Amino acid sequence: MTGCPTPQRITTYSLSANRQRPLAGAFHNAIFNTFRRFRHQVLYVAPPFLIAYATMNWAVERNEYLNSKPGRLLEGDDE
């Protein structure tokens, strides 16, 4: 026989590439992905909220005025 005999029963273990660092870059990607998604959706979400806030603010101020003494006198509401 020439050379060494063939080794028998040698077991090797290894990790796959996607199991070695499961959270690699997760924080960095979360920041930039959140910013990208926010930038693309803000024009769909912000205008209705601003309109609703302005309407609600106007309604509250109008209600407070109508329930005040000058508001009742100007509107002529006699209860």
PDB file of N, CA and C in Angstrom:
ATOM      1  N   MET A   1       0.818  -1.176   0.000  1.00  0.00           N
ATOM      2  CA  MET A   1       0.000   0.000   0.000  1.00  0.00           C
ATOM      3  C   MET A   1       0.871   1.253   0.000  1.00  0.00           C
ATOM      4  N   THR A   2       0.460   2.228  -0.798  1.00  0.00           N
ATOM      5  CA  THR A   2       1.248   3.449  -0.851  1.00  0.00           C
ATOM      6  C   THR A   2       0.485   4.575  -0.171  1.00  0.00           C
ATOM      7  N   GLY A   3       1.172   5.398   0.512  1.00  0.00           N
ATOM      8  CA  GLY A   3       0.548   6.546   1.160  1.00  0.00           C
ATOM      9  C   GLY A   3      -0.198   6.175   2.415  1.00  0.00           C
ATOM     10  N   CYS A   4      -1.033   7.106   2.907  1.00  0.00           N
ATOM     11  CA  CYS A   4      -1.795   6.919   4.131  1.00  0.00           C
ATOM     12  C   CYS A   4      -3.131   6.262   3.811  1.00  0.00           C
ATOM     13  N   PRO A   5      -3.669   5.517   4.766  1.00  0.00           N
ATOM     14  CA  PRO A   5      -4.993   4.947   4.540  1.00  0.00           C
ATOM     15  C   PRO A   5      -6.068   6.041   4.562  1.00  0.00           C
ATOM     16  N   THR A   6      -7.194   5.811   3.926  1.00  0.00           N
ATOM     17  CA  THR A   6      -8.293   6.769   3.893  1.00  0.00           C
ATOM     18  C   THR A   6      -8.903   6.902   5.283  1.00  0.00           C
ATOM     19  N   PRO A   7      -9.027   8.147   5.792  1.00  0.00           N
ATOM     20  CA  PRO A   7      -9.595   8.301   7.134  1.00  0.00           C
ATOM     21  C   PRO A   7     -11.076   7.903   7.146  1.00  0.00           C
ATOM     22  N   GLN A   8     -11.489   7.313   8.221  1.00  0.00           N
ATOM     23  CA  GLN A   8     -12.870   6.872   8.372  1.00  0.00           C
ATOM     24  C   GLN A   8     -13.520   7.606   9.549  1.00  0.00           C
ATOM     25  N   ARG A   9     -14.844   7.819   9.447  1.00  0.00           N
ATOM     26  CA  ARG A   9     -15.649   8.391  10.533  1.00  0.00           C
ATOM     27  C   ARG A   9     -15.150   9.747  11.031  1.00  0.00           C
ATOM     28  N   ILE A  10     -14.851  10.644  10.133  1.00  0.00           N
ATOM     29  CA  ILE A  10     -14.487  12.020  10.496  1.00  0.00           C
ATOM     30  C   ILE A  10     -15.711  12.891  10.241  1.00  0.00           C
ATOM     31  N   THR A  11     -16.182  13.549  11.313  1.00  0.00           N
ATOM     32  CA  THR A  11     -17.366  14.395  11.216  1.00  0.00           C
ATOM     33  C   THR A  11     -16.945  15.848  11.297  1.00  0.00           C
ATOM     34  N   THR A  12     -17.448  16.658  10.377  1.00  0.00           N
ATOM     35  CA  THR A  12     -17.173  18.087  10.417  1.00  0.00           C
ATOM     36  C   THR A  12     -18.494  18.836  10.551  1.00  0.00           C
ATOM     37  N   TYR A  13     -18.441  19.935  11.272  1.00  0.00           N
ATOM     38  CA  TYR A  13     -19.623  20.773  11.496  1.00  0.00           C
ATOM     39  C   TYR A  13     -19.322  22.176  10.985  1.00  0.00           C
ATOM     40  N   SER A  14     -20.341  22.841  10.465  1.00  0.00           N
ATOM     41  CA  SER A  14     -20.184  24.222  10.028  1.00  0.00           C
ATOM     42  C   SER A  14     -21.541  24.918  10.095  1.00  0.00           C
ATOM     43  N   LEU A  15     -21.478  26.244  10.172  1.00  0.00           N
ATOM     44  CA  LEU A  15     -22.688  27.052  10.160  1.00  0.00           C
ATOM     45  C   LEU A  15     -22.905  27.598   8.757  1.00  0.00           C
ATOM     46  N   SER A  16     -24.155  27.669   8.369  1.00  0.00           N
ATOM     47  CA  SER A  16     -24.432  28.269   7.072  1.00  0.00           C
ATOM     48  C   SER A  16     -24.212  29.777   7.156  1.00  0.00           C
ATOM     49  N   ALA A  17     -24.073  30.418   6.015  1.00  0.00           N
ATOM     50  CA  ALA A  17     -23.750  31.849   5.979  1.00  0.00           C
ATOM     51  C   ALA A  17     -24.865  32.701   6.587  1.00  0.00           C
ATOM     52  N   ASN A  18     -26.123  32.280   6.445  1.00  0.00           N
ATOM     53  CA  ASN A  18     -27.204  33.101   6.978  1.00  0.00           C
ATOM     54  C   ASN A  18     -27.476  32.826   8.451  1.00  0.00           C
ATOM     55  N   ARG A  19     -26.770  31.927   9.088  1.00  0.00           N
ATOM     56  CA  ARG A  19     -26.969  31.653  10.504  1.00  0.00           C
ATOM     57  C   ARG A  19     -25.854  32.228  11.377  1.00  0.00           C
ATOM     58  N   GLN A  20     -24.823  32.751  10.797  1.00  0.00           N
ATOM     59  CA  GLN A  20     -23.686  33.179  11.589  1.00  0.00           C
ATOM     60  C   GLN A  20     -23.950  34.473  12.344  1.00  0.00           C
ATOM     61  N   ARG A  21     -24.553  35.444  11.695  1.00  0.00           N
ATOM     62  CA  ARG A  21     -24.857  36.734  12.331  1.00  0.00           C
ATOM     63  C   ARG A  21     -26.284  37.106  11.973  1.00  0.00           C
ATOM     64  N   PRO A  22     -27.266  36.601  12.711  1.00  0.00           N
ATOM     65  CA  PRO A  22     -28.655  36.816  12.310  1.00  0.00           C
ATOM     66  C   PRO A  22     -29.113  38.277  12.427  1.00  0.00           C
ATOM     67  N   LEU A  23     -28.504  39.074  13.276  1.00  0.00           N
ATOM     68  CA  LEU A  23     -28.911  40.480  13.432  1.00  0.00           C
ATOM     69  C   LEU A  23     -27.879  41.452  12.883  1.00  0.00           C
ATOM     70  N   ALA A  24     -27.035  40.974  11.984  1.00  0.00           N
ATOM     71  CA  ALA A  24     -26.011  41.844  11.409  1.00  0.00           C
ATOM     72  C   ALA A  24     -26.665  42.941  10.587  1.00  0.00           C
ATOM     73  N   GLY A  25     -26.426  44.184  10.956  1.00  0.00           N
ATOM     74  CA  GLY A  25     -26.956  45.322  10.216  1.00  0.00           C
ATOM     75  C   GLY A  25     -28.428  45.597  10.456  1.00  0.00           C
ATOM     76  N   ALA A  26     -29.057  44.912  11.383  1.00  0.00           N
ATOM     77  CA  ALA A  26     -30.498  45.087  11.597  1.00  0.00           C
ATOM     78  C   ALA A  26     -30.817  46.494  12.099  1.00  0.00           C
ATOM     79  N   PHE A  27     -30.041  47.016  13.026  1.00  0.00           N
ATOM     80  CA  PHE A  27     -30.307  48.353  13.569  1.00  0.00           C
ATOM     81  C   PHE A  27     -30.108  49.413  12.493  1.00  0.00           C
ATOM     82  N   HIS A  28     -29.028  49.303  11.745  1.00  0.00           N
ATOM     83  CA  HIS A  28     -28.740  50.259  10.673  1.00  0.00           C
ATOM     84  C   HIS A  28     -29.835  50.225   9.613  1.00  0.00           C
ATOM     85  N   ASN A  29     -30.226  49.030   9.190  1.00  0.00           N
ATOM     86  CA  ASN A  29     -31.267  48.902   8.162  1.00  0.00           C
ATOM     87  C   ASN A  29     -32.618  49.360   8.687  1.00  0.00           C
ATOM     88  N   ALA A  30     -32.894  49.151   9.960  1.00  0.00           N
ATOM     89  CA  ALA A  30     -34.182  49.568  10.521  1.00  0.00           C
ATOM     90  C   ALA A  30     -34.327  51.083  10.471  1.00  0.00           C
ATOM     91  N   ILE A  31     -33.266  51.795  10.765  1.00  0.00           N
ATOM     92  CA  ILE A  31     -33.315  53.260  10.750  1.00  0.00           C
ATOM     93  C   ILE A  31     -33.582  53.767   9.336  1.00  0.00           C
ATOM     94  N   PHE A  32     -32.801  53.293   8.376  1.00  0.00           N
ATOM     95  CA  PHE A  32     -32.927  53.818   7.017  1.00  0.00           C
ATOM     96  C   PHE A  32     -34.183  53.304   6.329  1.00  0.00           C
ATOM     97  N   ASN A  33     -34.609  52.079   6.630  1.00  0.00           N
ATOM     98  CA  ASN A  33     -35.836  51.558   6.044  1.00  0.00           C
ATOM     99  C   ASN A  33     -37.044  52.318   6.592  1.00  0.00           C
ATOM    100  N   THR A  34     -37.033  52.618   7.894  1.00  0.00           N
ATOM    101  CA  THR A  34     -38.124  53.389   8.489  1.00  0.00           C
ATOM    102  C   THR A  34     -38.182  54.789   7.880  1.00  0.00           C
ATOM    103  N   PHE A  35     -37.039  55.427   7.710  1.00  0.00           N
ATOM    104  CA  PHE A  35     -37.009  56.758   7.099  1.00  0.00           C
ATOM    105  C   PHE A  35     -37.522  56.712   5.665  1.00  0.00           C
ATOM    106  N   ARG A  36     -37.116  55.709   4.892  1.00  0.00           N
ATOM    107  CA  ARG A  36     -37.551  55.586   3.505  1.00  0.00           C
ATOM    108  C   ARG A  36     -39.064  55.377   3.425  1.00  0.00           C
ATOM    109  N   ARG A  37     -39.592  54.501   4.275  1.00  0.00           N
ATOM    110  CA  ARG A  37     -41.027  54.243   4.254  1.00  0.00           C
ATOM    111  C   ARG A  37     -41.808  55.470   4.712  1.00  0.00           C
ATOM    112  N   PHE A  38     -41.315  56.175   5.721  1.00  0.00           N
ATOM    113  CA  PHE A  38     -41.968  57.392   6.196  1.00  0.00           C
ATOM    114  C   PHE A  38     -42.005  58.444   5.095  1.00  0.00           C
ATOM    115  N   ARG A  39     -40.879  58.607   4.397  1.00  0.00           N
ATOM    116  CA  ARG A  39     -40.782  59.617   3.345  1.00  0.00           C
ATOM    117  C   ARG A  39     -41.766  59.336   2.212  1.00  0.00           C
ATOM    118  N   HIS A  40     -41.986  58.067   1.912  1.00  0.00           N
ATOM    119  CA  HIS A  40     -42.895  57.731   0.816  1.00  0.00           C
ATOM    120  C   HIS A  40     -44.368  57.784   1.230  1.00  0.00           C
ATOM    121  N   GLN A  41     -44.674  57.697   2.516  1.00  0.00           N
ATOM    122  CA  GLN A  41     -46.059  57.649   2.962  1.00  0.00           C
ATOM    123  C   GLN A  41     -46.547  58.946   3.599  1.00  0.00           C
ATOM    124  N   VAL A  42     -45.655  59.875   3.908  1.00  0.00           N
ATOM    125  CA  VAL A  42     -46.044  61.061   4.665  1.00  0.00           C
ATOM    126  C   VAL A  42     -47.066  61.920   3.912  1.00  0.00           C
ATOM    127  N   LEU A  43     -46.996  61.980   2.595  1.00  0.00           N
ATOM    128  CA  LEU A  43     -47.941  62.802   1.842  1.00  0.00           C
ATOM    129  C   LEU A  43     -49.321  62.174   1.767  1.00  0.00           C
ATOM    130  N   TYR A  44     -49.431  60.892   2.067  1.00  0.00           N
ATOM    131  CA  TYR A  44     -50.736  60.249   2.119  1.00  0.00           C
ATOM    132  C   TYR A  44     -51.382  60.384   3.503  1.00  0.00           C
ATOM    133  N   VAL A  45     -50.575  60.511   4.536  1.00  0.00           N
ATOM    134  CA  VAL A  45     -51.070  60.485   5.908  1.00  0.00           C
ATOM    135  C   VAL A  45     -51.186  61.886   6.505  1.00  0.00           C
ATOM    136  N   ALA A  46     -50.200  62.738   6.277  1.00  0.00           N
ATOM    137  CA  ALA A  46     -50.157  64.042   6.944  1.00  0.00           C
ATOM    138  C   ALA A  46     -51.287  64.994   6.538  1.00  0.00           C
ATOM    139  N   PRO A  47     -51.612  65.184   5.258  1.00  0.00           N
ATOM    140  CA  PRO A  47     -52.674  66.151   4.922  1.00  0.00           C
ATOM    141  C   PRO A  47     -54.024  65.843   5.565  1.00  0.00           C
ATOM    142  N   PRO A  48     -54.515  64.590   5.570  1.00  0.00           N
ATOM    143  CA  PRO A  48     -55.792  64.363   6.265  1.00  0.00           C
ATOM    144  C   PRO A  48     -55.721  64.672   7.755  1.00  0.00           C
ATOM    145  N   PHE A  49     -54.591  64.352   8.396  1.00  0.00           N
ATOM    146  CA  PHE A  49     -54.452  64.668   9.817  1.00  0.00           C
ATOM    147  C   PHE A  49     -54.419  66.174  10.045  1.00  0.00           C
ATOM    148  N   LEU A  50     -53.721  66.913   9.181  1.00  0.00           N
ATOM    149  CA  LEU A  50     -53.682  68.365   9.337  1.00  0.00           C
ATOM    150  C   LEU A  50     -55.058  68.981   9.103  1.00  0.00           C
ATOM    151  N   ILE A  51     -55.783  68.490   8.119  1.00  0.00           N
ATOM    152  CA  ILE A  51     -57.139  68.998   7.876  1.00  0.00           C
ATOM    153  C   ILE A  51     -58.054  68.672   9.050  1.00  0.00           C
ATOM    154  N   ALA A  52     -57.954  67.460   9.572  1.00  0.00           N
ATOM    155  CA  ALA A  52     -58.784  67.075  10.718  1.00  0.00           C
ATOM    156  C   ALA A  52     -58.433  67.905  11.946  1.00  0.00           C
ATOM    157  N   TYR A  53     -57.137  68.160  12.172  1.00  0.00           N
ATOM    158  CA  TYR A  53     -56.729  68.972  13.314  1.00  0.00           C
ATOM    159  C   TYR A  53     -57.233  70.407  13.170  1.00  0.00           C
ATOM    160  N   ALA A  54     -57.104  70.981  11.988  1.00  0.00           N
ATOM    161  CA  ALA A  54     -57.570  72.357  11.775  1.00  0.00           C
ATOM    162  C   ALA A  54     -59.082  72.452  11.944  1.00  0.00           C
ATOM    163  N   THR A  55     -59.820  71.476  11.428  1.00  0.00           N
ATOM    164  CA  THR A  55     -61.275  71.468  11.571  1.00  0.00           C
ATOM    165  C   THR A  55     -61.677  71.345  13.033  1.00  0.00           C
ATOM    166  N   MET A  56     -61.029  70.451  13.744  1.00  0.00           N
ATOM    167  CA  MET A  56     -61.353  70.253  15.157  1.00  0.00           C
ATOM    168  C   MET A  56     -61.008  71.498  15.973  1.00  0.00           C
ATOM    169  N   ASN A  57     -59.875  72.117  15.674  1.00  0.00           N
ATOM    170  CA  ASN A  57     -59.476  73.332  16.384  1.00  0.00           C
ATOM    171  C   ASN A  57     -60.483  74.450  16.126  1.00  0.00           C
ATOM    172  N   TRP A  58     -60.913  74.617  14.859  1.00  0.00           N
ATOM    173  CA  TRP A  58     -61.913  75.622  14.534  1.00  0.00           C
ATOM    174  C   TRP A  58     -63.226  75.339  15.269  1.00  0.00           C
ATOM    175  N   ALA A  59     -63.648  74.069  15.303  1.00  0.00           N
ATOM    176  CA  ALA A  59     -64.914  73.718  15.953  1.00  0.00           C
ATOM    177  C   ALA A  59     -64.865  73.983  17.453  1.00  0.00           C
ATOM    178  N   VAL A  60     -63.750  73.681  18.090  1.00  0.00           N
ATOM    179  CA  VAL A  60     -63.629  73.929  19.533  1.00  0.00           C
ATOM    180  C   VAL A  60     -63.653  75.429  19.816  1.00  0.00           C
ATOM    181  N   GLU A  61     -62.897  76.205  19.040  1.00  0.00           N
ATOM    182  CA  GLU A  61     -62.889  77.657  19.253  1.00  0.00           C
ATOM    183  C   GLU A  61     -64.263  78.272  18.977  1.00  0.00           C
ATOM    184  N   ARG A  62     -64.936  77.792  17.942  1.00  0.00           N
ATOM    185  CA  ARG A  62     -66.278  78.301  17.620  1.00  0.00           C
ATOM    186  C   ARG A  62     -67.266  77.954  18.728  1.00  0.00           C
ATOM    187  N   ASN A  63     -67.168  76.740  19.255  1.00  0.00           N
ATOM    188  CA  ASN A  63     -68.056  76.320  20.338  1.00  0.00           C
ATOM    189  C   ASN A  63     -67.812  77.164  21.592  1.00  0.00           C
ATOM    190  N   GLU A  64     -66.551  77.395  21.917  1.00  0.00           N
ATOM    191  CA  GLU A  64     -66.243  78.227  23.085  1.00  0.00           C
ATOM    192  C   GLU A  64     -66.749  79.656  22.885  1.00  0.00           C
ATOM    193  N   TYR A  65     -66.621  80.182  21.674  1.00  0.00           N
ATOM    194  CA  TYR A  65     -67.118  81.539  21.407  1.00  0.00           C
ATOM    195  C   TYR A  65     -68.641  81.592  21.505  1.00  0.00           C
ATOM    196  N   LEU A  66     -69.318  80.619  20.912  1.00  0.00           N
ATOM    197  CA  LEU A  66     -70.786  80.650  20.944  1.00  0.00           C
ATOM    198  C   LEU A  66     -71.340  80.450  22.348  1.00  0.00           C
ATOM    199  N   ASN A  67     -70.590  79.816  23.214  1.00  0.00           N
ATOM    200  CA  ASN A  67     -71.037  79.622  24.593  1.00  0.00           C
ATOM    201  C   ASN A  67     -70.529  80.715  25.531  1.00  0.00           C
ATOM    202  N   SER A  68     -69.882  81.730  24.981  1.00  0.00           N
ATOM    203  CA  SER A  68     -69.429  82.845  25.812  1.00  0.00           C
ATOM    204  C   SER A  68     -70.476  83.970  25.754  1.00  0.00           C
ATOM    205  N   LYS A  69     -70.323  84.943  26.642  1.00  0.00           N
ATOM    206  CA  LYS A  69     -71.278  86.049  26.703  1.00  0.00           C
ATOM    207  C   LYS A  69     -71.295  86.864  25.408  1.00  0.00           C
ATOM    208  N   PRO A  70     -70.134  87.263  24.870  1.00  0.00           N
ATOM    209  CA  PRO A  70     -70.186  88.019  23.609  1.00  0.00           C
ATOM    210  C   PRO A  70     -70.755  87.202  22.449  1.00  0.00           C
ATOM    211  N   GLY A  71     -70.481  85.934  22.411  1.00  0.00           N
ATOM    212  CA  GLY A  71     -71.010  85.095  21.345  1.00  0.00           C
ATOM    213  C   GLY A  71     -72.513  84.959  21.409  1.00  0.00           C
ATOM    214  N   ARG A  72     -73.045  84.821  22.604  1.00  0.00           N
ATOM    215  CA  ARG A  72     -74.508  84.724  22.758  1.00  0.00           C
ATOM    216  C   ARG A  72     -75.182  86.047  22.378  1.00  0.00           C
ATOM    217  N   LEU A  73     -74.570  87.154  22.747  1.00  0.00           N
ATOM    218  CA  LEU A  73     -75.151  88.458  22.414  1.00  0.00           C
ATOM    219  C   LEU A  73     -75.117  88.701  20.902  1.00  0.00           C
ATOM    220  N   LEU A  74     -74.010  88.345  20.231  1.00  0.00           N
ATOM    221  CA  LEU A  74     -73.889  88.591  18.814  1.00  0.00           C
ATOM    222  C   LEU A  74     -74.806  87.680  17.994  1.00  0.00           C
ATOM    223  N   GLU A  75     -74.933  86.428  18.381  1.00  0.00           N
ATOM    224  CA  GLU A  75     -75.767  85.489  17.642  1.00  0.00           C
ATOM    225  C   GLU A  75     -77.249  85.643  17.966  1.00  0.00           C
ATOM    226  N   GLY A  76     -77.565  86.304  19.054  1.00  0.00           N
ATOM    227  CA  GLY A  76     -78.965  86.554  19.411  1.00  0.00           C
ATOM    228  C   GLY A  76     -79.674  85.333  19.946  1.00  0.00           C
ATOM    229  N   ASP A  77     -78.970  84.427  20.555  1.00  0.00           N
ATOM    230  CA  ASP A  77     -79.589  83.209  21.092  1.00  0.00           C
ATOM    231  C   ASP A  77     -80.157  83.520  22.468  1.00  0.00           C
ATOM    232  N   ASP A  78     -81.484  83.442  22.611  1.00  0.00           N
ATOM    233  CA  ASP A  78     -82.145  83.693  23.894  1.00  0.00           C
ATOM    234  C   ASP A  78     -82.674  82.388  24.453  1.00  0.00           C
ATOM    235  N   GLU A  79     -81.962  81.861  25.416  1.00  0.00           N
ATOM    236  CA  GLU A  79     -82.439  80.634  26.064  1.00  0.00           C
ATOM    237  C   GLU A  79     -82.920  80.913  27.449  1.00  0.00           C
TER     238      GLU A  79
END
